PDB file of N, CA and C in Angstrom:
ATOM      1  N   MET A   1     150.192 135.716 185.348  1.00  0.00           N
ATOM      2  CA  MET A   1     150.973 136.005 184.118  1.00  0.00           C
ATOM      3  C   MET A   1     150.261 137.311 183.582  1.00  0.00           C
ATOM      4  N   THR A   2     151.263 138.035 182.587  1.00  0.00           N
ATOM      5  CA  THR A   2     151.834 139.337 182.200  1.00  0.00           C
ATOM      6  C   THR A   2     150.114 139.285 181.748  1.00  0.00           C
ATOM      7  N   ASP A   3     150.030 140.784 181.983  1.00  0.00           N
ATOM      8  CA  ASP A   3     148.110 141.096 180.051  1.00  0.00           C
ATOM      9  C   ASP A   3     149.256 142.182 179.527  1.00  0.00           C
ATOM     10  N   PHE A   4     148.954 141.601 177.710  1.00  0.00           N
ATOM     11  CA  PHE A   4     149.566 142.360 177.115  1.00  0.00           C
ATOM     12  C   PHE A   4     148.223 143.272 176.170  1.00  0.00           C
ATOM     13  N   ILE A   5     148.214 144.658 176.332  1.00  0.00           N
ATOM     14  CA  ILE A   5     147.218 144.859 175.704  1.00  0.00           C
ATOM     15  C   ILE A   5     148.062 145.746 174.717  1.00  0.00           C
ATOM     16  N   HIS A   6     147.269 145.286 173.262  1.00  0.00           N
ATOM     17  CA  HIS A   6     147.481 146.704 171.422  1.00  0.00           C
ATOM     18  C   HIS A   6     146.578 147.956 172.132  1.00  0.00           C
ATOM     19  N   GLU A   7     147.240 148.410 171.411  1.00  0.00           N
ATOM     20  CA  GLU A   7     146.897 149.729 171.606  1.00  0.00           C
ATOM     21  C   GLU A   7     147.487 150.573 170.466  1.00  0.00           C
ATOM     22  N   PRO A   8     146.184 150.926 169.433  1.00  0.00           N
ATOM     23  CA  PRO A   8     147.208 151.921 167.837  1.00  0.00           C
ATOM     24  C   PRO A   8     147.340 153.296 168.760  1.00  0.00           C
ATOM     25  N   TYR A   9     147.715 153.616 168.100  1.00  0.00           N
ATOM     26  CA  TYR A   9     147.844 154.969 167.507  1.00  0.00           C
ATOM     27  C   TYR A   9     146.641 155.463 167.856  1.00  0.00           C
ATOM     28  N   LYS A  10     146.049 156.844 168.650  1.00  0.00           N
ATOM     29  CA  LYS A  10     144.816 157.559 168.214  1.00  0.00           C
ATOM     30  C   LYS A  10     145.255 158.234 166.880  1.00  0.00           C
ATOM     31  N   ALA A  11     145.996 158.884 166.671  1.00  0.00           N
ATOM     32  CA  ALA A  11     146.514 159.681 165.963  1.00  0.00           C
ATOM     33  C   ALA A  11     148.035 159.784 165.977  1.00  0.00           C
ATOM     34  N   ILE A  12     148.338 160.240 164.297  1.00  0.00           N
ATOM     35  CA  ILE A  12     149.478 160.257 163.908  1.00  0.00           C
ATOM     36  C   ILE A  12     150.151 162.180 163.651  1.00  0.00           C
ATOM     37  N   HIS A  13     150.792 162.701 163.591  1.00  0.00           N
ATOM     38  CA  HIS A  13     150.858 163.980 162.873  1.00  0.00           C
ATOM     39  C   HIS A  13     151.918 163.886 161.883  1.00  0.00           C
ATOM     40  N   VAL A  14     152.032 163.828 160.379  1.00  0.00           N
ATOM     41  CA  VAL A  14     152.772 163.871 159.906  1.00  0.00           C
ATOM     42  C   VAL A  14     153.227 165.334 159.502  1.00  0.00           C
ATOM     43  N   ARG A  15     155.245 166.048 159.703  1.00  0.00           N
ATOM     44  CA  ARG A  15     154.701 166.970 159.027  1.00  0.00           C
ATOM     45  C   ARG A  15     155.617 167.294 157.866  1.00  0.00           C
ATOM     46  N   ASP A  16     155.806 166.232 157.039  1.00  0.00           N
ATOM     47  CA  ASP A  16     156.236 166.391 155.656  1.00  0.00           C
ATOM     48  C   ASP A  16     155.758 165.257 155.316  1.00  0.00           C
ATOM     49  N   VAL A  17     155.211 165.205 153.336  1.00  0.00           N
ATOM     50  CA  VAL A  17     154.932 164.278 153.404  1.00  0.00           C
ATOM     51  C   VAL A  17     155.498 164.313 151.731  1.00  0.00           C
ATOM     52  N   ILE A  18     156.722 164.063 151.167  1.00  0.00           N
ATOM     53  CA  ILE A  18     157.421 163.685 150.140  1.00  0.00           C
ATOM     54  C   ILE A  18     157.050 162.594 149.010  1.00  0.00           C
ATOM     55  N   LYS A  19     157.175 162.983 148.175  1.00  0.00           N
ATOM     56  CA  LYS A  19     157.173 161.945 146.451  1.00  0.00           C
ATOM     57  C   LYS A  19     158.328 162.227 145.758  1.00  0.00           C
ATOM     58  N   LEU A  20     158.460 161.532 145.472  1.00  0.00           N
ATOM     59  CA  LEU A  20     160.130 160.653 144.645  1.00  0.00           C
ATOM     60  C   LEU A  20     159.448 160.000 143.721  1.00  0.00           C
ATOM     61  N   SER A  21     160.933 159.926 142.631  1.00  0.00           N
ATOM     62  CA  SER A  21     160.345 158.891 141.493  1.00  0.00           C
ATOM     63  C   SER A  21     161.082 157.458 142.092  1.00  0.00           C
ATOM     64  N   LEU A  22     160.713 156.196 141.666  1.00  0.00           N
ATOM     65  CA  LEU A  22     162.180 155.502 142.472  1.00  0.00           C
ATOM     66  C   LEU A  22     163.002 155.098 142.299  1.00  0.00           C
ATOM     67  N   ASP A  23     163.595 155.849 141.463  1.00  0.00           N
ATOM     68  CA  ASP A  23     165.413 155.859 141.023  1.00  0.00           C
ATOM     69  C   ASP A  23     165.761 157.067 142.774  1.00  0.00           C
ATOM     70  N   ASP A  24     165.210 158.264 142.745  1.00  0.00           N
ATOM     71  CA  ASP A  24     165.386 158.951 143.414  1.00  0.00           C
ATOM     72  C   ASP A  24     165.019 158.403 145.087  1.00  0.00           C
ATOM     73  N   LEU A  25     164.132 157.339 144.959  1.00  0.00           N
ATOM     74  CA  LEU A  25     163.592 156.900 146.225  1.00  0.00           C
ATOM     75  C   LEU A  25     164.596 155.490 146.512  1.00  0.00           C
ATOM     76  N   VAL A  26     164.987 154.821 145.824  1.00  0.00           N
ATOM     77  CA  VAL A  26     165.929 153.798 145.739  1.00  0.00           C
ATOM     78  C   VAL A  26     167.450 154.377 146.489  1.00  0.00           C
ATOM     79  N   ASN A  27     167.546 155.731 145.738  1.00  0.00           N
ATOM     80  CA  ASN A  27     169.216 156.292 145.745  1.00  0.00           C
ATOM     81  C   ASN A  27     169.279 156.554 147.024  1.00  0.00           C
ATOM     82  N   MET A  28     167.990 157.481 147.472  1.00  0.00           N
ATOM     83  CA  MET A  28     168.195 158.638 148.477  1.00  0.00           C
ATOM     84  C   MET A  28     168.331 157.325 150.198  1.00  0.00           C
ATOM     85  N   ILE A  29     167.169 155.976 149.808  1.00  0.00           N
ATOM     86  CA  ILE A  29     167.482 154.575 150.842  1.00  0.00           C
ATOM     87  C   ILE A  29     168.748 154.434 150.981  1.00  0.00           C
ATOM     88  N   SER A  30     169.552 154.023 149.902  1.00  0.00           N
ATOM     89  CA  SER A  30     170.497 153.231 149.655  1.00  0.00           C
ATOM     90  C   SER A  30     171.560 154.073 150.881  1.00  0.00           C
ATOM     91  N   THR A  31     171.666 155.661 150.586  1.00  0.00           N
ATOM     92  CA  THR A  31     172.993 156.053 151.400  1.00  0.00           C
ATOM     93  C   THR A  31     172.520 155.666 152.886  1.00  0.00           C
ATOM     94  N   LEU A  32     171.160 155.355 153.064  1.00  0.00           N
ATOM     95  CA  LEU A  32     170.510 155.018 155.399  1.00  0.00           C
ATOM     96  C   LEU A  32     171.707 154.363 155.716  1.00  0.00           C
ATOM     97  N   ASP A  33     172.166 154.390 157.177  1.00  0.00           N
ATOM     98  CA  ASP A  33     172.667 153.359 157.557  1.00  0.00           C
ATOM     99  C   ASP A  33     171.352 151.698 157.321  1.00  0.00           C
ATOM    100  N   SER A  34     170.415 152.020 157.895  1.00  0.00           N
ATOM    101  CA  SER A  34     169.153 151.014 157.570  1.00  0.00           C
ATOM    102  C   SER A  34     168.594 151.095 156.173  1.00  0.00           C
ATOM    103  N   ALA A  35     169.645 150.061 155.336  1.00  0.00           N
ATOM    104  CA  ALA A  35     168.458 150.302 153.654  1.00  0.00           C
ATOM    105  C   ALA A  35     167.363 149.623 153.382  1.00  0.00           C
ATOM    106  N   ASN A  36     166.856 149.967 154.300  1.00  0.00           N
ATOM    107  CA  ASN A  36     165.344 149.406 153.545  1.00  0.00           C
ATOM    108  C   ASN A  36     163.982 150.354 153.600  1.00  0.00           C
ATOM    109  N   ALA A  37     163.312 149.358 152.661  1.00  0.00           N
ATOM    110  CA  ALA A  37     161.650 150.713 152.263  1.00  0.00           C
ATOM    111  C   ALA A  37     161.028 149.498 152.580  1.00  0.00           C
ATOM    112  N   TYR A  38     159.607 149.970 153.061  1.00  0.00           N
ATOM    113  CA  TYR A  38     158.474 149.071 153.172  1.00  0.00           C
ATOM    114  C   TYR A  38     157.729 149.006 151.983  1.00  0.00           C
ATOM    115  N   TRP A  39     157.163 148.205 152.140  1.00  0.00           N
ATOM    116  CA  TRP A  39     156.018 147.974 151.159  1.00  0.00           C
ATOM    117  C   TRP A  39     154.335 147.801 151.650  1.00  0.00           C
ATOM    118  N   THR A  40     153.601 148.566 151.211  1.00  0.00           N
ATOM    119  CA  THR A  40     151.461 147.875 151.158  1.00  0.00           C
ATOM    120  C   THR A  40     151.160 148.783 150.456  1.00  0.00           C
ATOM    121  N   ASP A  41     149.777 147.518 149.953  1.00  0.00           N
ATOM    122  CA  ASP A  41     148.868 148.442 148.980  1.00  0.00           C
ATOM    123  C   ASP A  41     149.130 149.286 147.903  1.00  0.00           C
ATOM    124  N   GLY A  42     150.502 148.750 147.505  1.00  0.00           N
ATOM    125  CA  GLY A  42     150.951 149.470 146.234  1.00  0.00           C
ATOM    126  C   GLY A  42     151.435 151.272 145.996  1.00  0.00           C
ATOM    127  N   VAL A  43     152.189 150.900 147.619  1.00  0.00           N
ATOM    128  CA  VAL A  43     153.190 152.313 147.925  1.00  0.00           C
ATOM    129  C   VAL A  43     154.481 151.498 148.689  1.00  0.00           C
ATOM    130  N   LEU A  44     155.504 152.019 148.860  1.00  0.00           N
ATOM    131  CA  LEU A  44     156.928 152.072 148.428  1.00  0.00           C
ATOM    132  C   LEU A  44     157.577 153.241 149.254  1.00  0.00           C
ATOM    133  N   PHE A  45     157.469 153.268 150.811  1.00  0.00           N
ATOM    134  CA  PHE A  45     157.876 154.469 151.189  1.00  0.00           C
ATOM    135  C   PHE A  45     159.173 153.985 152.965  1.00  0.00           C
ATOM    136  N   VAL A  46     159.482 155.137 153.083  1.00  0.00           N
ATOM    137  CA  VAL A  46     160.611 155.167 154.279  1.00  0.00           C
ATOM    138  C   VAL A  46     159.590 156.299 154.969  1.00  0.00           C
ATOM    139  N   ALA A  47     159.894 156.506 156.697  1.00  0.00           N
ATOM    140  CA  ALA A  47     158.929 156.834 157.124  1.00  0.00           C
ATOM    141  C   ALA A  47     159.864 157.324 158.482  1.00  0.00           C
ATOM    142  N   PHE A  48     160.407 158.829 158.962  1.00  0.00           N
ATOM    143  CA  PHE A  48     161.699 159.346 159.781  1.00  0.00           C
ATOM    144  C   PHE A  48     160.929 159.483 160.648  1.00  0.00           C
ATOM    145  N   ALA A  49     160.996 159.048 162.245  1.00  0.00           N
ATOM    146  CA  ALA A  49     160.576 160.028 163.160  1.00  0.00           C
ATOM    147  C   ALA A  49     161.033 161.158 163.873  1.00  0.00           C
ATOM    148  N   ILE A  50     160.280 161.759 164.507  1.00  0.00           N
ATOM    149  CA  ILE A  50     160.811 163.310 165.117  1.00  0.00           C
ATOM    150  C   ILE A  50     161.545 162.965 166.307  1.00  0.00           C
ATOM    151  N   ASN A  51     162.993 163.382 166.355  1.00  0.00           N
ATOM    152  CA  ASN A  51     163.851 163.244 167.782  1.00  0.00           C
ATOM    153  C   ASN A  51     163.134 162.948 168.827  1.00  0.00           C
ATOM    154  N   GLU A  52     163.563 162.245 170.248  1.00  0.00           N
ATOM    155  CA  GLU A  52     162.683 161.700 170.942  1.00  0.00           C
ATOM    156  C   GLU A  52     162.800 163.232 172.001  1.00  0.00           C
ATOM    157  N   SER A  53     162.020 163.239 172.455  1.00  0.00           N
ATOM    158  CA  SER A  53     161.948 164.253 173.950  1.00  0.00           C
ATOM    159  C   SER A  53     160.778 164.108 174.958  1.00  0.00           C
ATOM    160  N   GLU A  54     161.058 164.663 175.717  1.00  0.00           N
ATOM    161  CA  GLU A  54     160.205 164.154 176.939  1.00  0.00           C
ATOM    162  C   GLU A  54     159.000 164.221 176.577  1.00  0.00           C
ATOM    163  N   GLU A  55     158.420 165.868 175.581  1.00  0.00           N
ATOM    164  CA  GLU A  55     156.887 166.019 175.890  1.00  0.00           C
ATOM    165  C   GLU A  55     156.588 164.855 174.602  1.00  0.00           C
ATOM    166  N   LEU A  56     157.383 164.363 173.764  1.00  0.00           N
ATOM    167  CA  LEU A  56     157.214 163.582 173.022  1.00  0.00           C
ATOM    168  C   LEU A  56     156.487 162.128 173.837  1.00  0.00           C
ATOM    169  N   ALA A  57     157.524 161.693 174.473  1.00  0.00           N
ATOM    170  CA  ALA A  57     157.292 160.600 175.578  1.00  0.00           C
ATOM    171  C   ALA A  57     155.575 160.454 175.938  1.00  0.00           C
ATOM    172  N   LYS A  58     155.630 161.740 176.909  1.00  0.00           N
ATOM    173  CA  LYS A  58     154.044 161.853 177.271  1.00  0.00           C
ATOM    174  C   LYS A  58     153.171 161.833 175.994  1.00  0.00           C
ATOM    175  N   LYS A  59     153.249 162.160 174.766  1.00  0.00           N
ATOM    176  CA  LYS A  59     152.359 161.913 173.588  1.00  0.00           C
ATOM    177  C   LYS A  59     152.275 161.315 173.376  1.00  0.00           C
ATOM    178  N   GLU A  60     153.775 159.885 173.216  1.00  0.00           N
ATOM    179  CA  GLU A  60     152.988 158.804 172.787  1.00  0.00           C
ATOM    180  C   GLU A  60     152.063 157.926 173.758  1.00  0.00           C
ATOM    181  N   ILE A  61     152.434 157.846 175.437  1.00  0.00           N
ATOM    182  CA  ILE A  61     151.760 157.343 175.834  1.00  0.00           C
ATOM    183  C   ILE A  61     150.077 157.773 176.024  1.00  0.00           C
ATOM    184  N   GLU A  62     149.854 158.833 175.443  1.00  0.00           N
ATOM    185  CA  GLU A  62     148.477 159.592 175.423  1.00  0.00           C
ATOM    186  C   GLU A  62     147.791 158.846 173.613  1.00  0.00           C
ATOM    187  N   GLY A  63     149.124 158.161 173.340  1.00  0.00           N
ATOM    188  CA  GLY A  63     148.084 157.397 172.126  1.00  0.00           C
ATOM    189  C   GLY A  63     148.726 158.309 170.975  1.00  0.00           C
ATOM    190  N   GLU A  64     149.538 159.367 170.858  1.00  0.00           N
ATOM    191  CA  GLU A  64     149.556 160.403 169.519  1.00  0.00           C
ATOM    192  C   GLU A  64     151.357 160.216 169.554  1.00  0.00           C
ATOM    193  N   THR A  65     151.601 160.157 168.446  1.00  0.00           N
ATOM    194  CA  THR A  65     153.153 159.728 167.709  1.00  0.00           C
ATOM    195  C   THR A  65     153.459 161.488 166.529  1.00  0.00           C
ATOM    196  N   TYR A  66     154.388 161.472 166.257  1.00  0.00           N
ATOM    197  CA  TYR A  66     154.820 162.735 165.450  1.00  0.00           C
ATOM    198  C   TYR A  66     156.126 162.472 164.181  1.00  0.00           C
ATOM    199  N   MET A  67     155.802 162.014 162.783  1.00  0.00           N
ATOM    200  CA  MET A  67     156.444 161.805 161.979  1.00  0.00           C
ATOM    201  C   MET A  67     156.852 162.792 161.454  1.00  0.00           C
ATOM    202  N   ASP A  68     158.708 163.203 161.068  1.00  0.00           N
ATOM    203  CA  ASP A  68     158.742 164.186 160.841  1.00  0.00           C
ATOM    204  C   ASP A  68     158.684 164.414 158.950  1.00  0.00           C
ATOM    205  N   LYS A  69     158.900 163.091 158.540  1.00  0.00           N
ATOM    206  CA  LYS A  69     158.323 162.500 156.968  1.00  0.00           C
ATOM    207  C   LYS A  69     158.538 161.647 156.827  1.00  0.00           C
ATOM    208  N   ILE A  70     157.355 161.524 155.908  1.00  0.00           N
ATOM    209  CA  ILE A  70     157.362 160.085 155.081  1.00  0.00           C
ATOM    210  C   ILE A  70     157.529 160.394 153.653  1.00  0.00           C
ATOM    211  N   ILE A  71     158.327 159.495 153.311  1.00  0.00           N
ATOM    212  CA  ILE A  71     158.705 159.791 152.138  1.00  0.00           C
ATOM    213  C   ILE A  71     158.418 158.490 150.365  1.00  0.00           C
ATOM    214  N   PHE A  72     157.602 158.659 150.296  1.00  0.00           N
ATOM    215  CA  PHE A  72     157.362 157.773 149.180  1.00  0.00           C
ATOM    216  C   PHE A  72     157.114 157.516 147.629  1.00  0.00           C
ATOM    217  N   THR A  73     157.127 156.305 146.852  1.00  0.00           N
ATOM    218  CA  THR A  73     156.727 156.601 145.324  1.00  0.00           C
ATOM    219  C   THR A  73     155.736 155.427 145.434  1.00  0.00           C
ATOM    220  N   LYS A  74     154.998 155.939 144.289  1.00  0.00           N
ATOM    221  CA  LYS A  74     153.986 154.333 143.890  1.00  0.00           C
ATOM    222  C   LYS A  74     155.034 152.904 143.284  1.00  0.00           C
ATOM    223  N   TYR A  75     154.388 152.104 144.132  1.00  0.00           N
ATOM    224  CA  TYR A  75     154.928 150.898 143.362  1.00  0.00           C
ATOM    225  C   TYR A  75     154.021 149.507 143.453  1.00  0.00           C
ATOM    226  N   ASP A  76     153.640 149.513 141.886  1.00  0.00           N
ATOM    227  CA  ASP A  76     152.085 148.367 142.141  1.00  0.00           C
ATOM    228  C   ASP A  76     152.721 146.999 143.060  1.00  0.00           C
ATOM    229  N   ARG A  77     153.438 146.316 142.958  1.00  0.00           N
ATOM    230  CA  ARG A  77     153.360 144.931 143.459  1.00  0.00           C
ATOM    231  C   ARG A  77     154.865 144.850 144.179  1.00  0.00           C
ATOM    232  N   TYR A  78     154.406 144.021 145.084  1.00  0.00           N
ATOM    233  CA  TYR A  78     155.995 143.424 146.477  1.00  0.00           C
ATOM    234  C   TYR A  78     157.415 142.915 145.526  1.00  0.00           C
ATOM    235  N   THR A  79     157.918 143.150 145.760  1.00  0.00           N
ATOM    236  CA  THR A  79     158.941 142.254 145.240  1.00  0.00           C
ATOM    237  C   THR A  79     159.948 142.471 146.607  1.00  0.00           C
ATOM    238  N   LYS A  80     160.926 141.659 146.812  1.00  0.00           N
ATOM    239  CA  LYS A  80     161.591 141.569 148.132  1.00  0.00           C
ATOM    240  C   LYS A  80     163.042 143.087 147.943  1.00  0.00           C
ATOM    241  N   THR A  81     163.499 143.235 146.688  1.00  0.00           N
ATOM    242  CA  THR A  81     164.041 144.372 145.951  1.00  0.00           C
ATOM    243  C   THR A  81     163.597 145.388 145.689  1.00  0.00           C
ATOM    244  N   ALA A  82     164.103 146.718 145.707  1.00  0.00           N
ATOM    245  CA  ALA A  82     164.147 147.456 144.374  1.00  0.00           C
ATOM    246  C   ALA A  82     165.311 148.381 144.038  1.00  0.00           C
ATOM    247  N   LYS A  83     164.774 147.818 142.604  1.00  0.00           N
ATOM    248  CA  LYS A  83     166.391 148.412 142.046  1.00  0.00           C
ATOM    249  C   LYS A  83     166.078 150.355 141.258  1.00  0.00           C
ATOM    250  N   SER A  84     167.646 151.202 140.881  1.00  0.00           N
ATOM    251  CA  SER A  84     166.857 151.573 140.415  1.00  0.00           C
ATOM    252  C   SER A  84     167.728 151.809 139.371  1.00  0.00           C
ATOM    253  N   SER A  85     167.573 152.570 138.380  1.00  0.00           N
ATOM    254  CA  SER A  85     168.025 152.294 136.891  1.00  0.00           C
ATOM    255  C   SER A  85     169.418 152.226 136.361  1.00  0.00           C
ATOM    256  N   THR A  86     170.198 152.753 138.253  1.00  0.00           N
ATOM    257  CA  THR A  86     171.224 152.860 137.633  1.00  0.00           C
ATOM    258  C   THR A  86     171.705 151.594 138.615  1.00  0.00           C
ATOM    259  N   ASN A  87     171.243 150.528 138.559  1.00  0.00           N
ATOM    260  CA  ASN A  87     171.292 149.579 139.881  1.00  0.00           C
ATOM    261  C   ASN A  87     171.715 149.132 141.018  1.00  0.00           C
ATOM    262  N   VAL A  88     171.103 150.684 141.551  1.00  0.00           N
ATOM    263  CA  VAL A  88     171.277 150.387 142.883  1.00  0.00           C
ATOM    264  C   VAL A  88     170.469 149.678 143.281  1.00  0.00           C
ATOM    265  N   GLU A  89     170.437 148.938 144.741  1.00  0.00           N
ATOM    266  CA  GLU A  89     169.352 148.063 144.999  1.00  0.00           C
ATOM    267  C   GLU A  89     168.937 147.997 146.427  1.00  0.00           C
ATOM    268  N   ILE A  90     167.506 148.260 147.083  1.00  0.00           N
ATOM    269  CA  ILE A  90     167.708 147.709 148.591  1.00  0.00           C
ATOM    270  C   ILE A  90     166.566 146.848 148.324  1.00  0.00           C
ATOM    271  N   ASN A  91     166.834 146.656 150.442  1.00  0.00           N
ATOM    272  CA  ASN A  91     165.851 145.588 150.818  1.00  0.00           C
ATOM    273  C   ASN A  91     164.135 145.948 150.475  1.00  0.00           C
ATOM    274  N   VAL A  92     163.505 145.585 150.146  1.00  0.00           N
ATOM    275  CA  VAL A  92     161.880 145.985 150.444  1.00  0.00           C
ATOM    276  C   VAL A  92     160.901 145.115 151.709  1.00  0.00           C
ATOM    277  N   LEU A  93     160.557 145.468 152.564  1.00  0.00           N
ATOM    278  CA  LEU A  93     160.033 145.151 154.156  1.00  0.00           C
ATOM    279  C   LEU A  93     158.486 144.833 153.426  1.00  0.00           C
ATOM    280  N   ASN A  94     157.906 143.977 153.244  1.00  0.00           N
ATOM    281  CA  ASN A  94     156.824 143.324 152.910  1.00  0.00           C
ATOM    282  C   ASN A  94     155.641 144.325 154.140  1.00  0.00           C
ATOM    283  N   VAL A  95     154.603 145.472 154.511  1.00  0.00           N
ATOM    284  CA  VAL A  95     154.422 145.348 156.194  1.00  0.00           C
ATOM    285  C   VAL A  95     153.145 145.184 155.592  1.00  0.00           C
ATOM    286  N   GLN A  96     152.506 144.552 154.752  1.00  0.00           N
ATOM    287  CA  GLN A  96     150.848 144.130 154.070  1.00  0.00           C
ATOM    288  C   GLN A  96     150.453 144.357 155.311  1.00  0.00           C
ATOM    289  N   LYS A  97     150.432 143.176 156.378  1.00  0.00           N
ATOM    290  CA  LYS A  97     149.587 142.579 157.387  1.00  0.00           C
ATOM    291  C   LYS A  97     149.231 143.221 158.246  1.00  0.00           C
ATOM    292  N   SER A  98     149.857 144.852 158.903  1.00  0.00           N
ATOM    293  CA  SER A  98     150.531 146.058 159.780  1.00  0.00           C
ATOM    294  C   SER A  98     149.170 146.317 159.521  1.00  0.00           C
ATOM    295  N   ARG A  99     148.799 146.653 160.157  1.00  0.00           N
ATOM    296  CA  ARG A  99     146.882 148.097 159.715  1.00  0.00           C
ATOM    297  C   ARG A  99     147.393 148.886 159.868  1.00  0.00           C
ATOM    298  N   LEU A 100     148.057 149.380 160.711  1.00  0.00           N
ATOM    299  CA  LEU A 100     148.489 150.952 160.499  1.00  0.00           C
ATOM    300  C   LEU A 100     149.489 151.303 159.324  1.00  0.00           C
ATOM    301  N   TYR A 101     150.252 150.526 159.003  1.00  0.00           N
ATOM    302  CA  TYR A 101     150.919 150.685 157.735  1.00  0.00           C
ATOM    303  C   TYR A 101     149.897 150.357 155.989  1.00  0.00           C
ATOM    304  N   ARG A 102     148.938 149.926 156.783  1.00  0.00           N
ATOM    305  CA  ARG A 102     147.554 149.707 155.604  1.00  0.00           C
ATOM    306  C   ARG A 102     147.070 151.139 155.464  1.00  0.00           C
ATOM    307  N   ASP A 103     146.616 151.666 156.777  1.00  0.00           N
ATOM    308  CA  ASP A 103     145.917 152.946 156.727  1.00  0.00           C
ATOM    309  C   ASP A 103     147.037 153.980 156.565  1.00  0.00           C
ATOM    310  N   LEU A 104     148.455 154.006 156.653  1.00  0.00           N
ATOM    311  CA  LEU A 104     149.269 154.740 155.939  1.00  0.00           C
ATOM    312  C   LEU A 104     148.905 154.948 154.689  1.00  0.00           C
ATOM    313  N   ALA A 105     149.357 154.107 153.699  1.00  0.00           N
ATOM    314  CA  ALA A 105     148.621 154.029 152.415  1.00  0.00           C
ATOM    315  C   ALA A 105     147.427 154.490 152.144  1.00  0.00           C
ATOM    316  N   SER A 106     146.840 154.030 152.534  1.00  0.00           N
ATOM    317  CA  SER A 106     145.367 154.564 151.977  1.00  0.00           C
ATOM    318  C   SER A 106     145.208 156.231 152.079  1.00  0.00           C
ATOM    319  N   TRP A 107     145.487 156.438 153.847  1.00  0.00           N
ATOM    320  CA  TRP A 107     145.872 158.335 153.949  1.00  0.00           C
ATOM    321  C   TRP A 107     146.579 158.629 152.747  1.00  0.00           C
ATOM    322  N   LEU A 108     147.704 157.964 152.560  1.00  0.00           N
ATOM    323  CA  LEU A 108     148.549 158.937 151.458  1.00  0.00           C
ATOM    324  C   LEU A 108     147.784 158.526 150.131  1.00  0.00           C
ATOM    325  N   LYS A 109     147.221 157.793 149.608  1.00  0.00           N
ATOM    326  CA  LYS A 109     146.346 157.507 148.541  1.00  0.00           C
ATOM    327  C   LYS A 109     145.338 158.817 148.620  1.00  0.00           C
ATOM    328  N   LYS A 110     145.160 159.566 149.698  1.00  0.00           N
ATOM    329  CA  LYS A 110     143.856 160.668 149.473  1.00  0.00           C
ATOM    330  C   LYS A 110     144.731 161.995 149.607  1.00  0.00           C
ATOM    331  N   GLN A 111     145.976 162.292 149.468  1.00  0.00           N
ATOM    332  CA  GLN A 111     146.450 163.537 149.749  1.00  0.00           C
ATOM    333  C   GLN A 111     146.571 164.051 148.481  1.00  0.00           C
ATOM    334  N   PRO A 112     146.661 165.021 148.354  1.00  0.00           N
ATOM    335  CA  PRO A 112     146.843 166.087 146.861  1.00  0.00           C
ATOM    336  C   PRO A 112     147.933 165.445 145.889  1.00  0.00           C
ATOM    337  N   ILE A 113     149.056 165.259 146.765  1.00  0.00           N
ATOM    338  CA  ILE A 113     150.130 164.830 146.400  1.00  0.00           C
ATOM    339  C   ILE A 113     150.564 163.148 145.722  1.00  0.00           C
ATOM    340  N   TRP A 114     149.274 162.484 146.181  1.00  0.00           N
ATOM    341  CA  TRP A 114     149.657 161.523 145.329  1.00  0.00           C
ATOM    342  C   TRP A 114     149.702 161.659 143.684  1.00  0.00           C
ATOM    343  N   ASN A 115     148.958 161.941 143.298  1.00  0.00           N
ATOM    344  CA  ASN A 115     148.287 161.908 141.958  1.00  0.00           C
ATOM    345  C   ASN A 115     149.131 163.325 141.035  1.00  0.00           C
ATOM    346  N   GLU A 116     150.444 164.074 141.551  1.00  0.00           N
ATOM    347  CA  GLU A 116     151.330 164.781 141.268  1.00  0.00           C
ATOM    348  C   GLU A 116     152.433 164.083 140.003  1.00  0.00           C
TER     349      GLU A 116
END
């Protein structure tokens, strides 16, 4: 039988963190091919990876990855969709059970941008 080994990332390097209003986040996500946002611990967000390269693939094997940007807004309760004031609606995926995403929300809440 094949052994499966869960190996969480040791480090995730984030190049940019952008806080938007709910309206701006919903409108931005609605223009993407995959119009889904993620929610955990009071944070609605979308994350963008840096384009893959051979060098980044080596880092992945070593347990590190790089995110180009994380765009978020405060969003207290999970709902299946989020709607802007102009009635643009996007799907929201509840990732509350993901340790990685809970850690991300915790990290975001400690960044100076959280209270801006």
